[in-house]
Structure formats: structure tokens, C-alpha cells
């Protein structure tokens, strides 16, 4: 199941099937769909772990307001994957805690 209409990103036009990596593992999704949507379609529910107790977090609001879906994308921490479009070759990593932006 895929997102058809996102409240922030609008109508989703199914793009080309592209490859990206999650923690070094190759995955596929449609170019332009939110990274979080591609991860969910692949069965990935955990995007980060909390700083204090190490609890898993994933998509909660899906509109970029909370920080539950933040991950490291192409070396940059705190990227809200629910509103960040997927591109071919992206390197996505699980985030541990909330790291200071560079």
C-alpha cells in the first residue's frame, strides 16, 4: 500500500522504481515518494531510537511536525523522512537519539 495523497506533499505521481540503502542494505521505492512511505512498504517501522531510554520510534504525524521519523539521510541527521522525497542512491541510516544539526 502506498500514499496516494500526502497532506503536505500533495498528490503522489508514481515515479521510477529506484534503489536506496537503509543501514547498508539495498531497498527499493518509488522516486518522489516520502522516504518513510518506501520504508513502510518494505516493512520497516523503526526510524530512530530515543536518546534517554533507547525506545524505537517511527512515523507518527506523517506531516513533518514531530520528530519521530527523523533519520540520517546522506550523512545529515534529523531529516524528517515523512516529508523528504526519495531519490535514487540515497543512503538512509537509523538514528540513535536526536543529534545536533551540522
PDB file of N, CA and C in Angstrom:
ATOM      1  N   UNK A   1       0.843  -1.174   0.000  1.00  0.00           N
ATOM      2  CA  UNK A   1       0.000   0.000   0.000  1.00  0.00           C
ATOM      3  C   UNK A   1       0.890   1.240   0.000  1.00  0.00           C
ATOM      4  N   UNK A   2       0.557   2.206  -0.804  1.00  0.00           N
ATOM      5  CA  UNK A   2       1.343   3.428  -0.950  1.00  0.00           C
ATOM      6  C   UNK A   2       0.479   4.655  -0.666  1.00  0.00           C
ATOM      7  N   UNK A   3       1.142   5.741  -0.324  1.00  0.00           N
ATOM      8  CA  UNK A   3       0.455   7.017  -0.123  1.00  0.00           C
ATOM      9  C   UNK A   3       0.031   7.555  -1.480  1.00  0.00           C
ATOM     10  N   UNK A   4      -1.232   7.921  -1.611  1.00  0.00           N
ATOM     11  CA  UNK A   4      -1.750   8.484  -2.856  1.00  0.00           C
ATOM     12  C   UNK A   4      -1.777  10.009  -2.807  1.00  0.00           C
ATOM     13  N   UNK A   5      -2.177  10.544  -1.647  1.00  0.00           N
ATOM     14  CA  UNK A   5      -2.250  11.996  -1.490  1.00  0.00           C
ATOM     15  C   UNK A   5      -1.722  12.352  -0.105  1.00  0.00           C
ATOM     16  N   UNK A   6      -0.628  13.089  -0.072  1.00  0.00           N
ATOM     17  CA  UNK A   6       0.003  13.485   1.189  1.00  0.00           C
ATOM     18  C   UNK A   6      -0.466  14.896   1.552  1.00  0.00           C
ATOM     19  N   UNK A   7      -0.805  15.153   2.823  1.00  0.00           N
ATOM     20  CA  UNK A   7      -1.313  16.468   3.198  1.00  0.00           C
ATOM     21  C   UNK A   7      -0.309  17.614   3.004  1.00  0.00           C
ATOM     22  N   UNK A   8       0.964  17.329   2.985  1.00  0.00           N
ATOM     23  CA  UNK A   8       1.988  18.360   2.791  1.00  0.00           C
ATOM     24  C   UNK A   8       2.549  18.308   1.372  1.00  0.00           C
ATOM     25  N   UNK A   9       2.853  17.119   0.886  1.00  0.00           N
ATOM     26  CA  UNK A   9       3.486  16.964  -0.424  1.00  0.00           C
ATOM     27  C   UNK A   9       2.496  16.931  -1.579  1.00  0.00           C
ATOM     28  N   UNK A  10       1.205  16.763  -1.279  1.00  0.00           N
ATOM     29  CA  UNK A  10       0.174  16.753  -2.322  1.00  0.00           C
ATOM     30  C   UNK A  10       0.009  15.399  -2.991  1.00  0.00           C
ATOM     31  N   UNK A  11      -0.542  15.423  -4.213  1.00  0.00           N
ATOM     32  CA  UNK A  11      -0.778  14.197  -4.985  1.00  0.00           C
ATOM     33  C   UNK A  11       0.549  13.520  -5.300  1.00  0.00           C
ATOM     34  N   UNK A  12       0.565  12.208  -5.169  1.00  0.00           N
ATOM     35  CA  UNK A  12       1.783  11.471  -5.488  1.00  0.00           C
ATOM     36  C   UNK A  12       1.678  10.868  -6.876  1.00  0.00           C
ATOM     37  N   UNK A  13       2.596  11.247  -7.729  1.00  0.00           N
ATOM     38  CA  UNK A  13       2.706  10.660  -9.061  1.00  0.00           C
ATOM     39  C   UNK A  13       3.785   9.588  -8.984  1.00  0.00           C
ATOM     40  N   UNK A  14       3.386   8.352  -9.183  1.00  0.00           N
ATOM     41  CA  UNK A  14       4.319   7.234  -9.062  1.00  0.00           C
ATOM     42  C   UNK A  14       5.502   7.436 -10.003  1.00  0.00           C
ATOM     43  N   UNK A  15       6.674   7.561  -9.416  1.00  0.00           N
ATOM     44  CA  UNK A  15       7.897   7.750 -10.191  1.00  0.00           C
ATOM     45  C   UNK A  15       8.543   6.426 -10.544  1.00  0.00           C
ATOM     46  N   UNK A  16       9.763   6.518 -10.964  1.00  0.00           N
ATOM     47  CA  UNK A  16      10.556   5.348 -11.341  1.00  0.00           C
ATOM     48  C   UNK A  16      10.942   4.566 -10.089  1.00  0.00           C
ATOM     49  N   UNK A  17      10.991   3.251 -10.196  1.00  0.00           N
ATOM     50  CA  UNK A  17      11.446   2.411  -9.097  1.00  0.00           C
ATOM     51  C   UNK A  17      12.950   2.604  -8.958  1.00  0.00           C
ATOM     52  N   UNK A  18      13.393   3.036  -7.775  1.00  0.00           N
ATOM     53  CA  UNK A  18      14.808   3.330  -7.549  1.00  0.00           C
ATOM     54  C   UNK A  18      15.339   2.525  -6.371  1.00  0.00           C
ATOM     55  N   UNK A  19      16.651   2.439  -6.309  1.00  0.00           N
ATOM     56  CA  UNK A  19      17.325   1.734  -5.221  1.00  0.00           C
ATOM     57  C   UNK A  19      17.948   2.749  -4.272  1.00  0.00           C
ATOM     58  N   UNK A  20      17.822   2.478  -2.976  1.00  0.00           N
ATOM     59  CA  UNK A  20      18.474   3.275  -1.937  1.00  0.00           C
ATOM     60  C   UNK A  20      18.951   2.298  -0.875  1.00  0.00           C
ATOM     61  N   UNK A  21      19.715   2.767   0.107  1.00  0.00           N
ATOM     62  CA  UNK A  21      20.158   1.858   1.156  1.00  0.00           C
ATOM     63  C   UNK A  21      19.633   2.306   2.512  1.00  0.00           C
ATOM     64  N   UNK A  22      19.347   1.330   3.346  1.00  0.00           N
ATOM     65  CA  UNK A  22      18.990   1.558   4.743  1.00  0.00           C
ATOM     66  C   UNK A  22      19.995   0.785   5.574  1.00  0.00           C
ATOM     67  N   UNK A  23      20.822   1.504   6.302  1.00  0.00           N
ATOM     68  CA  UNK A  23      21.865   0.884   7.123  1.00  0.00           C
ATOM     69  C   UNK A  23      22.693  -0.106   6.313  1.00  0.00           C
ATOM     70  N   UNK A  24      22.986   0.260   5.071  1.00  0.00           N
ATOM     71  CA  UNK A  24      23.828  -0.548   4.193  1.00  0.00           C
ATOM     72  C   UNK A  24      23.101  -1.622   3.405  1.00  0.00           C
ATOM     73  N   UNK A  25      21.817  -1.830   3.685  1.00  0.00           N
ATOM     74  CA  UNK A  25      21.031  -2.850   2.983  1.00  0.00           C
ATOM     75  C   UNK A  25      20.271  -2.204   1.829  1.00  0.00           C
ATOM     76  N   UNK A  26      20.384  -2.781   0.630  1.00  0.00           N
ATOM     77  CA  UNK A  26      19.673  -2.230  -0.530  1.00  0.00           C
ATOM     78  C   UNK A  26      18.168  -2.424  -0.400  1.00  0.00           C
ATOM     79  N   UNK A  27      17.447  -1.359  -0.744  1.00  0.00           N
ATOM     80  CA  UNK A  27      15.986  -1.377  -0.717  1.00  0.00           C
ATOM     81  C   UNK A  27      15.498  -0.659  -1.962  1.00  0.00           C
ATOM     82  N   UNK A  28      14.207  -0.763  -2.230  1.00  0.00           N
ATOM     83  CA  UNK A  28      13.637  -0.078  -3.382  1.00  0.00           C
ATOM     84  C   UNK A  28      12.394   0.706  -2.978  1.00  0.00           C
ATOM     85  N   UNK A  29      12.164   1.773  -3.712  1.00  0.00           N
ATOM     86  CA  UNK A  29      10.983   2.598  -3.517  1.00  0.00           C
ATOM     87  C   UNK A  29      10.771   3.404  -4.780  1.00  0.00           C
ATOM     88  N   UNK A  30       9.716   4.183  -4.800  1.00  0.00           N
ATOM     89  CA  UNK A  30       9.420   4.999  -5.975  1.00  0.00           C
ATOM     90  C   UNK A  30       9.972   6.406  -5.786  1.00  0.00           C
ATOM     91  N   UNK A  31      10.705   6.857  -6.783  1.00  0.00           N
ATOM     92  CA  UNK A  31      11.290   8.189  -6.723  1.00  0.00           C
ATOM     93  C   UNK A  31      10.193   9.221  -6.481  1.00  0.00           C
ATOM     94  N   UNK A  32      10.435  10.113  -5.533  1.00  0.00           N
ATOM     95  CA  UNK A  32       9.483  11.169  -5.219  1.00  0.00           C
ATOM     96  C   UNK A  32       8.549  10.864  -4.065  1.00  0.00           C
ATOM     97  N   UNK A  33       8.368   9.589  -3.733  1.00  0.00           N
ATOM     98  CA  UNK A  33       7.514   9.284  -2.587  1.00  0.00           C
ATOM     99  C   UNK A  33       8.306   9.589  -1.311  1.00  0.00           C
ATOM    100  N   UNK A  34       7.623   9.878  -0.196  1.00  0.00           N
ATOM    101  CA  UNK A  34       8.359  10.118   1.040  1.00  0.00           C
ATOM    102  C   UNK A  34       9.222   8.902   1.400  1.00  0.00           C
ATOM    103  N   UNK A  35      10.415   9.158   1.905  1.00  0.00           N
ATOM    104  CA  UNK A  35      11.298   8.066   2.326  1.00  0.00           C
ATOM    105  C   UNK A  35      10.548   7.153   3.287  1.00  0.00           C
ATOM    106  N   UNK A  36       9.807   7.744   4.220  1.00  0.00           N
ATOM    107  CA  UNK A  36       9.064   6.958   5.208  1.00  0.00           C
ATOM    108  C   UNK A  36       8.067   6.005   4.551  1.00  0.00           C
ATOM    109  N   UNK A  37       7.454   6.417   3.449  1.00  0.00           N
ATOM    110  CA  UNK A  37       6.496   5.556   2.749  1.00  0.00           C
ATOM    111  C   UNK A  37       7.202   4.360   2.128  1.00  0.00           C
ATOM    112  N   UNK A  38       8.362   4.592   1.546  1.00  0.00           N
ATOM    113  CA  UNK A  38       9.131   3.489   0.957  1.00  0.00           C
ATOM    114  C   UNK A  38       9.569   2.510   2.041  1.00  0.00           C
ATOM    115  N   UNK A  39       9.962   3.036   3.192  1.00  0.00           N
ATOM    116  CA  UNK A  39      10.378   2.172   4.303  1.00  0.00           C
ATOM    117  C   UNK A  39       9.204   1.361   4.829  1.00  0.00           C
ATOM    118  N   UNK A  40       8.070   2.010   4.993  1.00  0.00           N
ATOM    119  CA  UNK A  40       6.887   1.299   5.495  1.00  0.00           C
ATOM    120  C   UNK A  40       6.463   0.198   4.527  1.00  0.00           C
ATOM    121  N   UNK A  41       6.503   0.486   3.225  1.00  0.00           N
ATOM    122  CA  UNK A  41       6.143  -0.519   2.216  1.00  0.00           C
ATOM    123  C   UNK A  41       7.084  -1.718   2.275  1.00  0.00           C
ATOM    124  N   UNK A  42       8.312  -1.485   2.738  1.00  0.00           N
ATOM    125  CA  UNK A  42       9.300  -2.565   2.868  1.00  0.00           C
ATOM    126  C   UNK A  42       9.231  -3.238   4.241  1.00  0.00           C
ATOM    127  N   UNK A  43       8.288  -2.803   5.080  1.00  0.00           N
ATOM    128  CA  UNK A  43       8.115  -3.415   6.394  1.00  0.00           C
ATOM    129  C   UNK A  43       8.954  -2.802   7.497  1.00  0.00           C
ATOM    130  N   UNK A  44       9.618  -1.691   7.223  1.00  0.00           N
ATOM    131  CA  UNK A  44      10.460  -1.029   8.225  1.00  0.00           C
ATOM    132  C   UNK A  44       9.594  -0.070   9.037  1.00  0.00           C
ATOM    133  N   UNK A  45       9.521  -0.292  10.331  1.00  0.00           N
ATOM    134  CA  UNK A  45       8.685   0.535  11.191  1.00  0.00           C
ATOM    135  C   UNK A  45       9.504   1.439  12.119  1.00  0.00           C
ATOM    136  N   UNK A  46      10.753   1.097  12.388  1.00  0.00           N
ATOM    137  CA  UNK A  46      11.587   1.879  13.298  1.00  0.00           C
ATOM    138  C   UNK A  46      12.541   2.753  12.507  1.00  0.00           C
ATOM    139  N   UNK A  47      12.504   4.051  12.790  1.00  0.00           N
ATOM    140  CA  UNK A  47      13.365   5.015  12.108  1.00  0.00           C
ATOM    141  C   UNK A  47      14.468   5.526  13.015  1.00  0.00           C
ATOM    142  N   UNK A  48      14.184   5.595  14.299  1.00  0.00           N
ATOM    143  CA  UNK A  48      15.182   6.088  15.248  1.00  0.00           C
ATOM    144  C   UNK A  48      14.923   5.479  16.615  1.00  0.00           C
ATOM    145  N   UNK A  49      15.891   5.686  17.505  1.00  0.00           N
ATOM    146  CA  UNK A  49      15.764   5.274  18.897  1.00  0.00           C
ATOM    147  C   UNK A  49      15.947   6.508  19.771  1.00  0.00           C
ATOM    148  N   UNK A  50      15.179   6.604  20.851  1.00  0.00           N
ATOM    149  CA  UNK A  50      15.254   7.780  21.714  1.00  0.00           C
ATOM    150  C   UNK A  50      16.595   7.846  22.432  1.00  0.00           C
ATOM    151  N   UNK A  51      17.002   9.073  22.770  1.00  0.00           N
ATOM    152  CA  UNK A  51      18.288   9.309  23.432  1.00  0.00           C
ATOM    153  C   UNK A  51      18.341   8.709  24.829  1.00  0.00           C
ATOM    154  N   UNK A  52      17.313   8.944  25.592  1.00  0.00           N
ATOM    155  CA  UNK A  52      17.353   8.594  27.009  1.00  0.00           C
ATOM    156  C   UNK A  52      17.145   7.105  27.290  1.00  0.00           C
ATOM    157  N   UNK A  53      16.122   6.514  26.690  1.00  0.00           N
ATOM    158  CA  UNK A  53      15.793   5.129  27.015  1.00  0.00           C
ATOM    159  C   UNK A  53      15.993   4.153  25.862  1.00  0.00           C
ATOM    160  N   UNK A  54      16.382   4.650  24.702  1.00  0.00           N
ATOM    161  CA  UNK A  54      16.616   3.772  23.557  1.00  0.00           C
ATOM    162  C   UNK A  54      15.350   3.128  23.008  1.00  0.00           C
ATOM    163  N   UNK A  55      14.222   3.811  23.160  1.00  0.00           N
ATOM    164  CA  UNK A  55      12.940   3.285  22.671  1.00  0.00           C
ATOM    165  C   UNK A  55      12.804   3.526  21.169  1.00  0.00           C
ATOM    166  N   UNK A  56      12.244   2.555  20.436  1.00  0.00           N
ATOM    167  CA  UNK A  56      12.083   2.728  18.987  1.00  0.00           C
ATOM    168  C   UNK A  56      10.982   3.731  18.652  1.00  0.00           C
ATOM    169  N   UNK A  57      11.212   4.484  17.590  1.00  0.00           N
ATOM    170  CA  UNK A  57      10.231   5.438  17.090  1.00  0.00           C
ATOM    171  C   UNK A  57      10.129   5.298  15.581  1.00  0.00           C
ATOM    172  N   UNK A  58       8.954   5.619  15.052  1.00  0.00           N
ATOM    173  CA  UNK A  58       8.714   5.568  13.610  1.00  0.00           C
ATOM    174  C   UNK A  58       7.756   6.680  13.234  1.00  0.00           C
ATOM    175  N   UNK A  59       7.077   6.524  12.129  1.00  0.00           N
ATOM    176  CA  UNK A  59       6.158   7.562  11.667  1.00  0.00           C
ATOM    177  C   UNK A  59       5.031   7.746  12.683  1.00  0.00           C
ATOM    178  N   UNK A  60       4.779   8.996  13.045  1.00  0.00           N
ATOM    179  CA  UNK A  60       3.680   9.307  13.957  1.00  0.00           C
ATOM    180  C   UNK A  60       2.715  10.287  13.289  1.00  0.00           C
ATOM    181  N   UNK A  61       3.170  11.500  13.013  1.00  0.00           N
ATOM    182  CA  UNK A  61       2.259  12.504  12.445  1.00  0.00           C
ATOM    183  C   UNK A  61       2.206  12.452  10.916  1.00  0.00           C
ATOM    184  N   UNK A  62       3.303  12.086  10.287  1.00  0.00           N
ATOM    185  CA  UNK A  62       3.419  11.982   8.819  1.00  0.00           C
ATOM    186  C   UNK A  62       3.240  13.307   8.079  1.00  0.00           C
ATOM    187  N   UNK A  63       3.385  14.428   8.800  1.00  0.00           N
ATOM    188  CA  UNK A  63       3.301  15.739   8.139  1.00  0.00           C
ATOM    189  C   UNK A  63       4.477  16.646   8.506  1.00  0.00           C
ATOM    190  N   UNK A  64       5.520  16.092   9.103  1.00  0.00           N
ATOM    191  CA  UNK A  64       6.721  16.862   9.383  1.00  0.00           C
ATOM    192  C   UNK A  64       6.715  17.690  10.652  1.00  0.00           C
ATOM    193  N   UNK A  65       5.737  17.484  11.531  1.00  0.00           N
ATOM    194  CA  UNK A  65       5.641  18.291  12.754  1.00  0.00           C
ATOM    195  C   UNK A  65       6.400  17.683  13.934  1.00  0.00           C
ATOM    196  N   UNK A  66       6.327  16.385  14.087  1.00  0.00           N
ATOM    197  CA  UNK A  66       7.025  15.742  15.201  1.00  0.00           C
ATOM    198  C   UNK A  66       8.420  15.320  14.721  1.00  0.00           C
ATOM    199  N   UNK A  67       9.156  14.649  15.553  1.00  0.00           N
ATOM    200  CA  UNK A  67      10.492  14.196  15.140  1.00  0.00           C
ATOM    201  C   UNK A  67      10.630  12.679  15.225  1.00  0.00           C
ATOM    202  N   UNK A  68       9.522  11.981  15.282  1.00  0.00           N
ATOM    203  CA  UNK A  68       9.603  10.528  15.424  1.00  0.00           C
ATOM    204  C   UNK A  68      10.177   9.829  14.202  1.00  0.00           C
ATOM    205  N   UNK A  69      10.084  10.432  13.031  1.00  0.00           N
ATOM    206  CA  UNK A  69      10.558   9.771  11.812  1.00  0.00           C
ATOM    207  C   UNK A  69      11.949  10.233  11.368  1.00  0.00           C
ATOM    208  N   UNK A  70      12.639  11.030  12.202  1.00  0.00           N
ATOM    209  CA  UNK A  70      13.939  11.541  11.756  1.00  0.00           C
ATOM    210  C   UNK A  70      14.959  10.424  11.611  1.00  0.00           C
ATOM    211  N   UNK A  71      15.770  10.578  10.575  1.00  0.00           N
ATOM    212  CA  UNK A  71      16.833   9.613  10.286  1.00  0.00           C
ATOM    213  C   UNK A  71      18.026  10.381   9.726  1.00  0.00           C
ATOM    214  N   UNK A  72      19.122   9.683   9.568  1.00  0.00           N
ATOM    215  CA  UNK A  72      20.297  10.261   8.921  1.00  0.00           C
ATOM    216  C   UNK A  72      20.162   9.952   7.436  1.00  0.00           C
ATOM    217  N   UNK A  73      20.147  10.991   6.612  1.00  0.00           N
ATOM    218  CA  UNK A  73      19.990  10.826   5.165  1.00  0.00           C
ATOM    219  C   UNK A  73      21.184  11.474   4.476  1.00  0.00           C
ATOM    220  N   UNK A  74      21.915  10.667   3.737  1.00  0.00           N
ATOM    221  CA  UNK A  74      23.118  11.140   3.044  1.00  0.00           C
ATOM    222  C   UNK A  74      24.051  11.881   3.994  1.00  0.00           C
ATOM    223  N   UNK A  75      24.196  11.333   5.206  1.00  0.00           N
ATOM    224  CA  UNK A  75      25.125  11.883   6.187  1.00  0.00           C
ATOM    225  C   UNK A  75      24.591  13.024   7.033  1.00  0.00           C
ATOM    226  N   UNK A  76      23.370  13.473   6.783  1.00  0.00           N
ATOM    227  CA  UNK A  76      22.784  14.587   7.539  1.00  0.00           C
ATOM    228  C   UNK A  76      21.762  14.051   8.534  1.00  0.00           C
ATOM    229  N   UNK A  77      21.952  14.338   9.840  1.00  0.00           N
ATOM    230  CA  UNK A  77      21.000  13.855  10.846  1.00  0.00           C
ATOM    231  C   UNK A  77      19.727  14.695  10.878  1.00  0.00           C
ATOM    232  N   UNK A  78      18.727  14.172  11.544  1.00  0.00           N
ATOM    233  CA  UNK A  78      17.466  14.876  11.822  1.00  0.00           C
ATOM    234  C   UNK A  78      16.640  15.203  10.588  1.00  0.00           C
ATOM    235  N   UNK A  79      16.706  14.355   9.577  1.00  0.00           N
ATOM    236  CA  UNK A  79      15.904  14.561   8.375  1.00  0.00           C
ATOM    237  C   UNK A  79      14.530  13.927   8.597  1.00  0.00           C
ATOM    238  N   UNK A  80      13.486  14.709   8.436  1.00  0.00           N
ATOM    239  CA  UNK A  80      12.112  14.209   8.606  1.00  0.00           C
ATOM    240  C   UNK A  80      11.738  13.407   7.363  1.00  0.00           C
ATOM    241  N   UNK A  81      11.775  12.098   7.503  1.00  0.00           N
ATOM    242  CA  UNK A  81      11.586  11.218   6.345  1.00  0.00           C
ATOM    243  C   UNK A  81      10.149  11.177   5.844  1.00  0.00           C
ATOM    244  N   UNK A  82       9.210  11.646   6.635  1.00  0.00           N
ATOM    245  CA  UNK A  82       7.810  11.633   6.194  1.00  0.00           C
ATOM    246  C   UNK A  82       7.521  12.704   5.154  1.00  0.00           C
ATOM    247  N   UNK A  83       8.389  13.709   5.040  1.00  0.00           N
ATOM    248  CA  UNK A  83       8.181  14.778   4.062  1.00  0.00           C
ATOM    249  C   UNK A  83       9.390  14.971   3.142  1.00  0.00           C
ATOM    250  N   UNK A  84      10.319  14.028   3.169  1.00  0.00           N
ATOM    251  CA  UNK A  84      11.505  14.114   2.314  1.00  0.00           C
ATOM    252  C   UNK A  84      11.360  13.126   1.167  1.00  0.00           C
ATOM    253  N   UNK A  85      11.319  13.631  -0.077  1.00  0.00           N
ATOM    254  CA  UNK A  85      11.155  12.744  -1.233  1.00  0.00           C
ATOM    255  C   UNK A  85      12.356  11.824  -1.444  1.00  0.00           C
ATOM    256  N   UNK A  86      12.061  10.597  -1.808  1.00  0.00           N
ATOM    257  CA  UNK A  86      13.089   9.595  -2.090  1.00  0.00           C
ATOM    258  C   UNK A  86      13.761   9.878  -3.429  1.00  0.00           C
ATOM    259  N   UNK A  87      15.084   9.708  -3.444  1.00  0.00           N
ATOM    260  CA  UNK A  87      15.864   9.839  -4.678  1.00  0.00           C
ATOM    261  C   UNK A  87      16.750   8.611  -4.813  1.00  0.00           C
ATOM    262  N   UNK A  88      17.083   8.277  -6.031  1.00  0.00           N
ATOM    263  CA  UNK A  88      17.956   7.127  -6.297  1.00  0.00           C
ATOM    264  C   UNK A  88      19.290   7.311  -5.585  1.00  0.00           C
ATOM    265  N   UNK A  89      19.772   6.232  -4.978  1.00  0.00           N
ATOM    266  CA  UNK A  89      21.092   6.232  -4.366  1.00  0.00           C
ATOM    267  C   UNK A  89      21.184   6.835  -2.982  1.00  0.00           C
ATOM    268  N   UNK A  90      20.062   7.267  -2.409  1.00  0.00           N
ATOM    269  CA  UNK A  90      20.111   7.848  -1.061  1.00  0.00           C
ATOM    270  C   UNK A  90      20.649   6.825  -0.072  1.00  0.00           C
ATOM    271  N   UNK A  91      21.409   7.327   0.898  1.00  0.00           N
ATOM    272  CA  UNK A  91      21.914   6.484   1.981  1.00  0.00           C
ATOM    273  C   UNK A  91      21.179   6.898   3.248  1.00  0.00           C
ATOM    274  N   UNK A  92      20.300   6.024   3.707  1.00  0.00           N
ATOM    275  CA  UNK A  92      19.465   6.292   4.874  1.00  0.00           C
ATOM    276  C   UNK A  92      19.976   5.431   6.019  1.00  0.00           C
ATOM    277  N   UNK A  93      20.069   6.040   7.211  1.00  0.00           N
ATOM    278  CA  UNK A  93      20.551   5.302   8.380  1.00  0.00           C
ATOM    279  C   UNK A  93      19.613   5.522   9.559  1.00  0.00           C
ATOM    280  N   UNK A  94      19.459   4.484  10.367  1.00  0.00           N
ATOM    281  CA  UNK A  94      18.713   4.597  11.606  1.00  0.00           C
ATOM    282  C   UNK A  94      19.439   5.599  12.491  1.00  0.00           C
ATOM    283  N   UNK A  95      18.676   6.448  13.161  1.00  0.00           N
ATOM    284  CA  UNK A  95      19.276   7.468  14.018  1.00  0.00           C
ATOM    285  C   UNK A  95      19.102   7.069  15.471  1.00  0.00           C
ATOM    286  N   UNK A  96      20.151   7.291  16.248  1.00  0.00           N
ATOM    287  CA  UNK A  96      20.127   6.993  17.678  1.00  0.00           C
ATOM    288  C   UNK A  96      20.149   8.310  18.438  1.00  0.00           C
ATOM    289  N   UNK A  97      18.996   8.695  18.990  1.00  0.00           N
ATOM    290  CA  UNK A  97      18.869   9.980  19.657  1.00  0.00           C
ATOM    291  C   UNK A  97      18.649  11.091  18.649  1.00  0.00           C
ATOM    292  N   UNK A  98      18.584  12.307  19.163  1.00  0.00           N
ATOM    293  CA  UNK A  98      18.461  13.485  18.303  1.00  0.00           C
ATOM    294  C   UNK A  98      19.827  14.146  18.311  1.00  0.00           C
ATOM    295  N   UNK A  99      20.460  14.154  17.179  1.00  0.00           N
ATOM    296  CA  UNK A  99      21.807  14.717  17.081  1.00  0.00           C
ATOM    297  C   UNK A  99      21.728  16.173  16.644  1.00  0.00           C
ATOM    298  N   UNK A 100      22.711  16.946  17.052  1.00  0.00           N
ATOM    299  CA  UNK A 100      22.766  18.355  16.654  1.00  0.00           C
ATOM    300  C   UNK A 100      22.951  18.457  15.151  1.00  0.00           C
ATOM    301  N   UNK A 101      22.243  19.392  14.561  1.00  0.00           N
ATOM    302  CA  UNK A 101      22.398  19.603  13.120  1.00  0.00           C
ATOM    303  C   UNK A 101      23.774  20.164  12.844  1.00  0.00           C
ATOM    304  N   UNK A 102      24.328  19.743  11.714  1.00  0.00           N
ATOM    305  CA  UNK A 102      25.669  20.206  11.356  1.00  0.00           C
ATOM    306  C   UNK A 102      25.607  21.540  10.659  1.00  0.00           C
TER     307      UNK A 102
END
